[in-house]
Amino acid sequence: MEARTELEKVVSSTTVYRGRVLRHKMVRVKLPDGRMYLRDTVEHPGAVALIPMLDDEIILIRQFRLAAGRVLFEIPAGTLEQDESPEKCAARELTEETGYRAGNLVKLSHCFLAPGYSSEMIHFYLATELQLGKQQLDDEEAIQVCPTPMRKALEMVRSNEIEDAKTMVGILLYERYLAVQKGLRPRNT
């Protein structure tokens, strides 16, 4: 079956809700065959996620996530502020959430988080040459820093102990990055 690649044309758009970070819109589109359809979309300014490495340990964090209803292991991440570059946001979020500062940031990749309904693009950065400072958490944040051996983090992804998608992707991107650096063919995960 051939995928349909023609564009849908926006006929009208109504903001249903505007929050602190997100904007929910109801969008009427005209499909390539002329039919009309309603789509829900969420506009998001974008985000960064970090793979902070201290020797063979990745700096994971643990925090309660209301939408998930439980405490999750995650890589540090955060939302881009207006006119902020992803690299600047990555440096800021790393320090805020973990207390570490990166001597070196390398962009590994970027992807849409959920393009079926959201515009959120997340940028993944490897952070190395870490120097410990002090966490700078927002008033509502309660984050536990958890240095974890990389082999253990990979086991946590494979056993589904890590349930956060950006964290899974970040850890697997790092595993691939290491394989490429060593001239190896990345294994299927």
N, C-alpha and C. Protein backbone atom coordinates (compact mmCIF):
# COMPACT_ATOMS: atom_id res chain seq x y z
N MET A 1 0.85 -1.18 0.00
CA MET A 1 0.00 0.00 0.00
C MET A 1 0.89 1.24 0.00
N GLU A 2 0.61 2.15 -0.90
CA GLU A 2 1.40 3.37 -1.01
C GLU A 2 0.92 4.40 0.01
N ALA A 3 1.86 5.04 0.70
CA ALA A 3 1.52 6.04 1.70
C ALA A 3 1.06 7.33 1.02
N ARG A 4 0.06 7.96 1.60
CA ARG A 4 -0.43 9.24 1.09
C ARG A 4 0.50 10.34 1.58
N THR A 5 1.06 11.08 0.68
CA THR A 5 2.03 12.11 1.07
C THR A 5 1.55 13.52 0.76
N GLU A 6 0.36 13.67 0.17
CA GLU A 6 -0.14 15.00 -0.12
C GLU A 6 -0.43 15.73 1.19
N LEU A 7 -0.37 17.03 1.13
CA LEU A 7 -0.60 17.84 2.32
C LEU A 7 -2.08 18.09 2.55
N GLU A 8 -2.42 18.16 3.83
CA GLU A 8 -3.76 18.61 4.19
C GLU A 8 -3.72 20.12 4.23
N LYS A 9 -4.80 20.76 3.84
CA LYS A 9 -4.87 22.22 3.86
C LYS A 9 -5.68 22.67 5.06
N VAL A 10 -5.12 23.60 5.85
CA VAL A 10 -5.83 24.13 7.00
C VAL A 10 -6.90 25.10 6.50
N VAL A 11 -8.14 24.85 6.90
CA VAL A 11 -9.27 25.70 6.53
C VAL A 11 -9.55 26.70 7.64
N SER A 12 -9.49 26.24 8.90
CA SER A 12 -9.69 27.12 10.05
C SER A 12 -9.02 26.51 11.28
N SER A 13 -8.78 27.36 12.24
CA SER A 13 -8.11 26.91 13.47
C SER A 13 -8.64 27.72 14.64
N THR A 14 -8.99 27.03 15.72
CA THR A 14 -9.51 27.68 16.92
C THR A 14 -8.70 27.22 18.13
N THR A 15 -8.21 28.17 18.91
CA THR A 15 -7.53 27.81 20.16
C THR A 15 -8.58 27.43 21.18
N VAL A 16 -8.49 26.19 21.66
CA VAL A 16 -9.42 25.67 22.65
C VAL A 16 -8.92 26.00 24.05
N TYR A 17 -7.60 25.92 24.23
CA TYR A 17 -7.00 26.16 25.54
C TYR A 17 -5.59 26.67 25.35
N ARG A 18 -5.23 27.68 26.12
CA ARG A 18 -3.86 28.19 26.10
C ARG A 18 -3.35 28.10 27.54
N GLY A 19 -2.34 27.27 27.74
CA GLY A 19 -1.75 27.09 29.06
C GLY A 19 -0.42 27.81 29.16
N ARG A 20 0.29 27.53 30.23
CA ARG A 20 1.59 28.15 30.47
C ARG A 20 2.60 27.76 29.39
N VAL A 21 2.54 26.52 28.93
CA VAL A 21 3.49 26.02 27.93
C VAL A 21 2.79 25.55 26.65
N LEU A 22 1.64 24.94 26.78
CA LEU A 22 0.95 24.31 25.66
C LEU A 22 -0.23 25.13 25.15
N ARG A 23 -0.53 24.93 23.86
CA ARG A 23 -1.74 25.51 23.29
C ARG A 23 -2.47 24.39 22.54
N HIS A 24 -3.72 24.12 22.94
CA HIS A 24 -4.54 23.10 22.29
C HIS A 24 -5.40 23.80 21.25
N LYS A 25 -5.35 23.27 20.03
CA LYS A 25 -6.12 23.86 18.93
C LYS A 25 -7.02 22.79 18.30
N MET A 26 -8.17 23.24 17.83
CA MET A 26 -9.05 22.42 17.00
C MET A 26 -8.88 22.96 15.59
N VAL A 27 -8.40 22.12 14.69
CA VAL A 27 -8.05 22.55 13.34
C VAL A 27 -8.94 21.81 12.34
N ARG A 28 -9.60 22.57 11.47
CA ARG A 28 -10.38 21.98 10.37
C ARG A 28 -9.45 21.94 9.16
N VAL A 29 -9.32 20.73 8.58
CA VAL A 29 -8.45 20.55 7.43
C VAL A 29 -9.25 19.99 6.26
N LYS A 30 -8.75 20.30 5.07
CA LYS A 30 -9.30 19.72 3.85
C LYS A 30 -8.31 18.67 3.38
N LEU A 31 -8.78 17.42 3.28
CA LEU A 31 -7.94 16.32 2.83
C LEU A 31 -7.71 16.43 1.33
N PRO A 32 -6.66 15.79 0.82
CA PRO A 32 -6.37 15.87 -0.62
C PRO A 32 -7.54 15.44 -1.52
N ASP A 33 -8.40 14.56 -1.00
CA ASP A 33 -9.55 14.11 -1.81
C ASP A 33 -10.76 15.03 -1.66
N GLY A 34 -10.61 16.15 -0.92
CA GLY A 34 -11.68 17.13 -0.78
C GLY A 34 -12.51 17.00 0.49
N ARG A 35 -12.41 15.87 1.19
CA ARG A 35 -13.17 15.71 2.43
C ARG A 35 -12.63 16.66 3.51
N MET A 36 -13.53 17.08 4.41
CA MET A 36 -13.15 17.94 5.54
C MET A 36 -13.02 17.06 6.79
N TYR A 37 -12.09 17.46 7.68
CA TYR A 37 -11.86 16.66 8.88
C TYR A 37 -11.39 17.59 10.00
N LEU A 38 -11.74 17.26 11.25
CA LEU A 38 -11.25 18.02 12.41
C LEU A 38 -10.07 17.30 13.04
N ARG A 39 -9.06 18.07 13.40
CA ARG A 39 -7.88 17.51 14.08
C ARG A 39 -7.62 18.30 15.36
N ASP A 40 -7.28 17.59 16.42
CA ASP A 40 -6.80 18.22 17.65
C ASP A 40 -5.29 18.30 17.54
N THR A 41 -4.73 19.47 17.84
CA THR A 41 -3.27 19.61 17.86
C THR A 41 -2.85 20.30 19.15
N VAL A 42 -1.64 20.01 19.55
CA VAL A 42 -1.04 20.66 20.71
C VAL A 42 0.24 21.33 20.23
N GLU A 43 0.31 22.64 20.39
CA GLU A 43 1.53 23.37 20.03
C GLU A 43 2.43 23.43 21.25
N HIS A 44 3.68 23.11 21.05
CA HIS A 44 4.68 23.07 22.12
C HIS A 44 5.95 23.74 21.60
N PRO A 45 6.65 24.52 22.45
CA PRO A 45 7.83 25.25 21.97
C PRO A 45 9.05 24.38 21.68
N GLY A 46 9.02 23.12 22.06
CA GLY A 46 10.17 22.24 21.86
C GLY A 46 10.88 21.99 23.17
N ALA A 47 11.76 21.00 23.16
CA ALA A 47 12.42 20.58 24.39
C ALA A 47 13.80 20.02 24.09
N VAL A 48 14.54 19.81 25.16
CA VAL A 48 15.84 19.15 25.09
C VAL A 48 15.86 18.00 26.08
N ALA A 49 16.71 17.02 25.81
CA ALA A 49 16.94 15.92 26.72
C ALA A 49 18.44 15.65 26.71
N LEU A 50 18.97 15.33 27.87
CA LEU A 50 20.42 15.17 28.00
C LEU A 50 20.81 13.76 28.41
N ILE A 51 21.94 13.33 27.87
CA ILE A 51 22.57 12.09 28.27
C ILE A 51 23.85 12.52 28.97
N PRO A 52 23.78 12.81 30.28
CA PRO A 52 24.97 13.27 31.01
C PRO A 52 25.81 12.07 31.45
N MET A 53 27.05 12.02 30.99
CA MET A 53 27.92 10.88 31.28
C MET A 53 29.08 11.31 32.17
N LEU A 54 29.25 10.57 33.25
CA LEU A 54 30.34 10.74 34.19
C LEU A 54 31.08 9.41 34.20
N ASP A 55 32.17 9.35 33.43
CA ASP A 55 32.88 8.10 33.18
C ASP A 55 31.90 7.10 32.56
N ASP A 56 31.65 5.95 33.21
CA ASP A 56 30.72 4.96 32.64
C ASP A 56 29.34 5.02 33.29
N GLU A 57 29.06 6.13 33.98
CA GLU A 57 27.75 6.30 34.60
C GLU A 57 26.95 7.39 33.88
N ILE A 58 25.66 7.11 33.71
CA ILE A 58 24.75 8.12 33.20
C ILE A 58 24.05 8.74 34.41
N ILE A 59 23.86 10.04 34.37
CA ILE A 59 23.18 10.72 35.46
C ILE A 59 21.68 10.71 35.15
N LEU A 60 20.97 9.78 35.78
CA LEU A 60 19.51 9.73 35.67
C LEU A 60 18.91 10.55 36.80
N ILE A 61 17.64 10.90 36.64
CA ILE A 61 16.91 11.55 37.72
C ILE A 61 15.65 10.74 37.99
N ARG A 62 15.12 10.89 39.19
CA ARG A 62 13.84 10.28 39.56
C ARG A 62 12.94 11.40 40.01
N GLN A 63 11.70 11.39 39.50
CA GLN A 63 10.73 12.37 39.94
C GLN A 63 9.31 11.85 39.74
N PHE A 64 8.40 12.36 40.54
CA PHE A 64 7.00 12.00 40.41
C PHE A 64 6.42 12.71 39.21
N ARG A 65 5.67 11.96 38.39
CA ARG A 65 5.01 12.52 37.22
C ARG A 65 3.51 12.29 37.38
N LEU A 66 2.79 13.38 37.58
CA LEU A 66 1.35 13.32 37.84
C LEU A 66 0.60 12.58 36.74
N ALA A 67 0.87 12.89 35.48
CA ALA A 67 0.14 12.25 34.37
C ALA A 67 0.36 10.74 34.36
N ALA A 68 1.55 10.28 34.72
CA ALA A 68 1.85 8.84 34.78
C ALA A 68 1.37 8.23 36.09
N GLY A 69 1.22 9.05 37.11
CA GLY A 69 0.75 8.57 38.41
C GLY A 69 1.81 7.85 39.23
N ARG A 70 3.08 8.09 38.90
CA ARG A 70 4.15 7.43 39.66
C ARG A 70 5.49 8.12 39.46
N VAL A 71 6.46 7.66 40.24
CA VAL A 71 7.83 8.14 40.14
C VAL A 71 8.50 7.41 38.97
N LEU A 72 9.18 8.18 38.11
CA LEU A 72 9.85 7.61 36.94
C LEU A 72 11.34 7.93 36.94
N PHE A 73 12.13 7.01 36.39
CA PHE A 73 13.53 7.30 36.06
C PHE A 73 13.52 8.02 34.72
N GLU A 74 14.30 9.10 34.61
CA GLU A 74 14.36 9.86 33.37
C GLU A 74 15.77 10.40 33.18
N ILE A 75 16.04 10.84 31.96
CA ILE A 75 17.22 11.66 31.73
C ILE A 75 16.79 13.11 31.96
N PRO A 76 17.70 13.99 32.35
CA PRO A 76 17.33 15.40 32.52
C PRO A 76 16.79 15.96 31.21
N ALA A 77 15.78 16.82 31.33
CA ALA A 77 15.14 17.39 30.14
C ALA A 77 14.40 18.65 30.53
N GLY A 78 14.04 19.43 29.52
CA GLY A 78 13.26 20.63 29.81
C GLY A 78 12.79 21.31 28.54
N THR A 79 11.90 22.25 28.74
CA THR A 79 11.26 22.98 27.66
C THR A 79 12.06 24.21 27.27
N LEU A 80 12.14 24.44 25.97
CA LEU A 80 12.80 25.64 25.46
C LEU A 80 12.03 26.89 25.89
N GLU A 81 12.76 27.89 26.32
CA GLU A 81 12.16 29.18 26.60
C GLU A 81 12.11 29.97 25.29
N GLN A 82 11.32 31.02 25.25
CA GLN A 82 11.17 31.82 24.03
C GLN A 82 12.54 32.32 23.55
N ASP A 83 12.83 32.12 22.28
CA ASP A 83 14.06 32.55 21.61
C ASP A 83 15.32 31.90 22.18
N GLU A 84 15.19 30.79 22.91
CA GLU A 84 16.34 30.09 23.48
C GLU A 84 16.79 29.00 22.51
N SER A 85 18.09 28.87 22.30
CA SER A 85 18.60 27.81 21.44
C SER A 85 18.54 26.48 22.20
N PRO A 86 18.41 25.36 21.48
CA PRO A 86 18.42 24.07 22.16
C PRO A 86 19.70 23.84 22.99
N GLU A 87 20.85 24.25 22.47
CA GLU A 87 22.10 24.05 23.20
C GLU A 87 22.12 24.84 24.51
N LYS A 88 21.65 26.08 24.47
CA LYS A 88 21.60 26.89 25.68
C LYS A 88 20.63 26.29 26.69
N CYS A 89 19.48 25.82 26.20
CA CYS A 89 18.50 25.17 27.06
C CYS A 89 19.09 23.90 27.69
N ALA A 90 19.83 23.13 26.92
CA ALA A 90 20.44 21.90 27.43
C ALA A 90 21.39 22.21 28.58
N ALA A 91 22.23 23.21 28.41
CA ALA A 91 23.17 23.58 29.48
C ALA A 91 22.40 24.04 30.73
N ARG A 92 21.37 24.84 30.54
CA ARG A 92 20.58 25.35 31.65
C ARG A 92 19.87 24.22 32.39
N GLU A 93 19.19 23.34 31.66
CA GLU A 93 18.42 22.27 32.28
C GLU A 93 19.31 21.28 33.02
N LEU A 94 20.48 20.98 32.47
CA LEU A 94 21.40 20.07 33.15
C LEU A 94 21.76 20.60 34.52
N THR A 95 22.12 21.86 34.60
CA THR A 95 22.50 22.46 35.88
C THR A 95 21.30 22.54 36.82
N GLU A 96 20.17 23.00 36.30
CA GLU A 96 18.98 23.12 37.16
C GLU A 96 18.59 21.79 37.77
N GLU A 97 18.53 20.73 36.96
CA GLU A 97 17.98 19.46 37.44
C GLU A 97 18.99 18.58 38.16
N THR A 98 20.26 18.67 37.79
CA THR A 98 21.25 17.75 38.39
C THR A 98 22.33 18.46 39.20
N GLY A 99 22.55 19.73 38.95
CA GLY A 99 23.66 20.44 39.58
C GLY A 99 24.94 20.35 38.77
N TYR A 100 24.99 19.48 37.78
CA TYR A 100 26.21 19.34 36.97
C TYR A 100 26.26 20.40 35.86
N ARG A 101 27.47 20.80 35.52
CA ARG A 101 27.73 21.64 34.36
C ARG A 101 28.53 20.80 33.38
N ALA A 102 28.22 20.96 32.10
CA ALA A 102 28.90 20.18 31.06
C ALA A 102 30.04 21.00 30.47
N GLY A 103 31.22 20.39 30.40
CA GLY A 103 32.33 21.01 29.69
C GLY A 103 32.18 20.83 28.20
N ASN A 104 31.38 19.83 27.80
CA ASN A 104 31.20 19.53 26.39
C ASN A 104 29.77 19.04 26.14
N LEU A 105 29.11 19.64 25.16
CA LEU A 105 27.78 19.21 24.73
C LEU A 105 27.84 18.84 23.25
N VAL A 106 27.33 17.67 22.90
CA VAL A 106 27.31 17.20 21.52
C VAL A 106 25.87 16.82 21.17
N LYS A 107 25.33 17.43 20.12
CA LYS A 107 23.97 17.06 19.70
C LYS A 107 24.01 15.70 19.02
N LEU A 108 23.18 14.78 19.53
CA LEU A 108 23.12 13.44 18.97
C LEU A 108 22.01 13.28 17.95
N SER A 109 20.88 13.93 18.18
CA SER A 109 19.75 13.77 17.27
C SER A 109 18.61 14.68 17.71
N HIS A 110 17.53 14.62 16.97
CA HIS A 110 16.29 15.28 17.36
C HIS A 110 15.14 14.49 16.75
N CYS A 111 13.96 14.62 17.34
CA CYS A 111 12.79 13.92 16.80
C CYS A 111 11.51 14.56 17.32
N PHE A 112 10.42 14.29 16.62
CA PHE A 112 9.11 14.68 17.13
C PHE A 112 8.73 13.69 18.21
N LEU A 113 8.14 14.18 19.28
CA LEU A 113 7.76 13.30 20.38
C LEU A 113 6.48 12.53 20.09
N ALA A 114 5.47 13.20 19.56
CA ALA A 114 4.19 12.56 19.25
C ALA A 114 3.53 13.33 18.10
N PRO A 115 4.03 13.18 16.86
CA PRO A 115 3.59 14.01 15.75
C PRO A 115 2.14 13.80 15.33
N GLY A 116 1.48 12.79 15.86
CA GLY A 116 0.08 12.59 15.55
C GLY A 116 -0.81 13.69 16.09
N TYR A 117 -0.32 14.38 17.13
CA TYR A 117 -1.12 15.46 17.71
C TYR A 117 -0.29 16.63 18.22
N SER A 118 1.03 16.49 18.32
CA SER A 118 1.84 17.53 18.95
C SER A 118 2.97 18.00 18.03
N SER A 119 3.29 19.30 18.14
CA SER A 119 4.40 19.87 17.38
C SER A 119 5.73 19.75 18.12
N GLU A 120 5.74 19.15 19.31
CA GLU A 120 6.95 19.13 20.14
C GLU A 120 8.10 18.38 19.46
N MET A 121 9.21 19.10 19.29
CA MET A 121 10.46 18.55 18.77
C MET A 121 11.41 18.49 19.97
N ILE A 122 12.04 17.35 20.17
CA ILE A 122 12.98 17.19 21.29
C ILE A 122 14.38 16.98 20.72
N HIS A 123 15.35 17.69 21.28
CA HIS A 123 16.74 17.65 20.85
C HIS A 123 17.56 16.90 21.90
N PHE A 124 18.32 15.90 21.48
CA PHE A 124 19.10 15.07 22.39
C PHE A 124 20.57 15.50 22.37
N TYR A 125 21.12 15.72 23.57
CA TYR A 125 22.52 16.14 23.71
C TYR A 125 23.27 15.19 24.63
N LEU A 126 24.48 14.84 24.23
CA LEU A 126 25.41 14.14 25.10
C LEU A 126 26.17 15.20 25.88
N ALA A 127 26.19 15.07 27.19
CA ALA A 127 26.90 16.01 28.06
C ALA A 127 28.06 15.27 28.73
N THR A 128 29.29 15.75 28.51
CA THR A 128 30.48 15.13 29.10
C THR A 128 31.32 16.20 29.78
N GLU A 129 32.42 15.76 30.37
CA GLU A 129 33.31 16.65 31.13
C GLU A 129 32.50 17.37 32.20
N LEU A 130 31.74 16.58 32.96
CA LEU A 130 30.83 17.13 33.96
C LEU A 130 31.56 17.60 35.20
N GLN A 131 31.11 18.73 35.71
CA GLN A 131 31.61 19.28 36.97
C GLN A 131 30.42 19.49 37.88
N LEU A 132 30.51 18.97 39.10
CA LEU A 132 29.39 19.05 40.03
C LEU A 132 29.30 20.43 40.66
N GLY A 133 28.09 20.95 40.64
CA GLY A 133 27.77 22.22 41.30
C GLY A 133 26.57 21.98 42.20
N LYS A 134 25.61 22.90 42.15
CA LYS A 134 24.42 22.80 42.99
C LYS A 134 23.18 22.79 42.11
N GLN A 135 22.23 21.89 42.45
CA GLN A 135 20.95 21.88 41.77
C GLN A 135 20.25 23.23 41.92
N GLN A 136 19.52 23.62 40.90
CA GLN A 136 18.77 24.88 40.93
C GLN A 136 17.32 24.60 40.55
N LEU A 137 16.65 23.79 41.38
CA LEU A 137 15.29 23.34 41.09
C LEU A 137 14.29 24.48 41.19
N ASP A 138 13.24 24.39 40.37
CA ASP A 138 12.10 25.29 40.51
C ASP A 138 11.39 24.92 41.81
N ASP A 139 10.59 25.84 42.34
CA ASP A 139 9.92 25.63 43.62
C ASP A 139 9.08 24.37 43.66
N GLU A 140 8.45 24.00 42.54
CA GLU A 140 7.56 22.85 42.54
C GLU A 140 8.26 21.53 42.21
N GLU A 141 9.56 21.57 41.93
CA GLU A 141 10.29 20.35 41.54
C GLU A 141 10.89 19.64 42.74
N ALA A 142 10.81 18.31 42.69
CA ALA A 142 11.48 17.44 43.66
C ALA A 142 12.16 16.35 42.84
N ILE A 143 13.46 16.51 42.61
CA ILE A 143 14.20 15.62 41.73
C ILE A 143 15.35 14.98 42.49
N GLN A 144 15.43 13.66 42.39
CA GLN A 144 16.53 12.91 42.99
C GLN A 144 17.52 12.55 41.88
N VAL A 145 18.79 12.88 42.08
CA VAL A 145 19.85 12.57 41.11
C VAL A 145 20.34 11.15 41.38
N CYS A 146 20.40 10.34 40.31
CA CYS A 146 20.74 8.92 40.43
C CYS A 146 21.82 8.51 39.43
N PRO A 147 23.11 8.70 39.77
CA PRO A 147 24.15 8.18 38.88
C PRO A 147 23.98 6.67 38.74
N THR A 148 23.99 6.18 37.50
CA THR A 148 23.69 4.77 37.22
C THR A 148 24.68 4.24 36.20
N PRO A 149 25.32 3.08 36.46
CA PRO A 149 26.20 2.51 35.43
C PRO A 149 25.43 2.34 34.12
N MET A 150 26.05 2.66 33.01
CA MET A 150 25.37 2.60 31.71
C MET A 150 24.84 1.20 31.43
N ARG A 151 25.59 0.17 31.77
CA ARG A 151 25.10 -1.19 31.50
C ARG A 151 23.81 -1.46 32.28
N LYS A 152 23.70 -0.90 33.50
CA LYS A 152 22.47 -1.04 34.30
C LYS A 152 21.33 -0.25 33.65
N ALA A 153 21.62 0.96 33.15
CA ALA A 153 20.59 1.76 32.49
C ALA A 153 20.06 1.03 31.25
N LEU A 154 20.94 0.40 30.48
CA LEU A 154 20.50 -0.38 29.32
C LEU A 154 19.62 -1.55 29.75
N GLU A 155 19.97 -2.21 30.84
CA GLU A 155 19.13 -3.29 31.38
C GLU A 155 17.77 -2.74 31.80
N MET A 156 17.75 -1.55 32.39
CA MET A 156 16.50 -0.92 32.83
C MET A 156 15.60 -0.59 31.63
N VAL A 157 16.20 -0.21 30.50
CA VAL A 157 15.42 0.03 29.29
C VAL A 157 14.84 -1.28 28.79
N ARG A 158 15.67 -2.30 28.70
CA ARG A 158 15.23 -3.58 28.13
C ARG A 158 14.21 -4.29 29.02
N SER A 159 14.29 -4.09 30.33
CA SER A 159 13.34 -4.73 31.25
C SER A 159 12.09 -3.87 31.46
N ASN A 160 12.05 -2.70 30.87
CA ASN A 160 10.95 -1.74 30.98
C ASN A 160 10.85 -1.11 32.37
N GLU A 161 11.93 -1.18 33.15
CA GLU A 161 11.98 -0.44 34.42
C GLU A 161 12.02 1.06 34.12
N ILE A 162 12.67 1.42 33.03
CA ILE A 162 12.58 2.79 32.52
C ILE A 162 11.42 2.81 31.54
N GLU A 163 10.41 3.63 31.85
CA GLU A 163 9.18 3.66 31.05
C GLU A 163 9.03 4.95 30.25
N ASP A 164 9.92 5.90 30.43
CA ASP A 164 9.85 7.19 29.77
C ASP A 164 10.49 7.10 28.39
N ALA A 165 9.73 7.49 27.35
CA ALA A 165 10.19 7.33 25.97
C ALA A 165 11.46 8.13 25.67
N LYS A 166 11.53 9.39 26.12
CA LYS A 166 12.72 10.19 25.81
C LYS A 166 13.96 9.58 26.45
N THR A 167 13.78 8.97 27.62
CA THR A 167 14.91 8.34 28.32
C THR A 167 15.36 7.09 27.58
N MET A 168 14.40 6.29 27.14
CA MET A 168 14.75 5.11 26.34
C MET A 168 15.52 5.52 25.09
N VAL A 169 14.99 6.50 24.37
CA VAL A 169 15.63 6.96 23.13
C VAL A 169 17.02 7.50 23.43
N GLY A 170 17.15 8.33 24.46
CA GLY A 170 18.44 8.92 24.80
C GLY A 170 19.50 7.88 25.12
N ILE A 171 19.14 6.89 25.91
CA ILE A 171 20.09 5.83 26.27
C ILE A 171 20.48 5.02 25.04
N LEU A 172 19.52 4.70 24.20
CA LEU A 172 19.83 3.93 22.99
C LEU A 172 20.62 4.75 21.97
N LEU A 173 20.36 6.06 21.90
CA LEU A 173 21.18 6.93 21.04
C LEU A 173 22.63 6.93 21.53
N TYR A 174 22.82 6.96 22.84
CA TYR A 174 24.18 6.95 23.38
C TYR A 174 24.87 5.63 23.08
N GLU A 175 24.14 4.52 23.22
CA GLU A 175 24.72 3.22 22.91
C GLU A 175 25.17 3.18 21.44
N ARG A 176 24.33 3.72 20.56
CA ARG A 176 24.68 3.77 19.13
C ARG A 176 25.88 4.70 18.90
N TYR A 177 25.89 5.85 19.57
CA TYR A 177 26.99 6.81 19.47
C TYR A 177 28.31 6.12 19.83
N LEU A 178 28.33 5.37 20.93
CA LEU A 178 29.55 4.67 21.35
C LEU A 178 29.99 3.66 20.30
N ALA A 179 29.04 2.91 19.76
CA ALA A 179 29.37 1.91 18.75
C ALA A 179 29.99 2.58 17.52
N VAL A 180 29.41 3.68 17.08
CA VAL A 180 29.94 4.39 15.92
C VAL A 180 31.34 4.94 16.22
N GLN A 181 31.54 5.47 17.41
CA GLN A 181 32.85 6.00 17.80
C GLN A 181 33.91 4.91 17.79
N LYS A 182 33.51 3.70 18.13
CA LYS A 182 34.46 2.57 18.17
C LYS A 182 34.56 1.88 16.81
N GLY A 183 33.82 2.38 15.82
CA GLY A 183 33.85 1.78 14.49
C GLY A 183 33.09 0.48 14.42
N LEU A 184 32.20 0.24 15.38
CA LEU A 184 31.42 -0.99 15.40
C LEU A 184 30.06 -0.75 14.77
N ARG A 185 29.47 -1.81 14.35
CA ARG A 185 28.10 -1.73 13.84
C ARG A 185 27.17 -1.80 15.04
N PRO A 186 26.27 -0.82 15.21
CA PRO A 186 25.35 -0.85 16.35
C PRO A 186 24.47 -2.10 16.29
N ARG A 187 24.26 -2.71 17.46
CA ARG A 187 23.40 -3.90 17.50
C ARG A 187 21.95 -3.49 17.53
N ASN A 188 21.09 -4.40 17.12
CA ASN A 188 19.65 -4.15 17.19
C ASN A 188 19.22 -4.23 18.65
N THR A 189 18.40 -3.25 19.08
CA THR A 189 17.96 -3.25 20.48
C THR A 189 16.47 -3.49 20.58
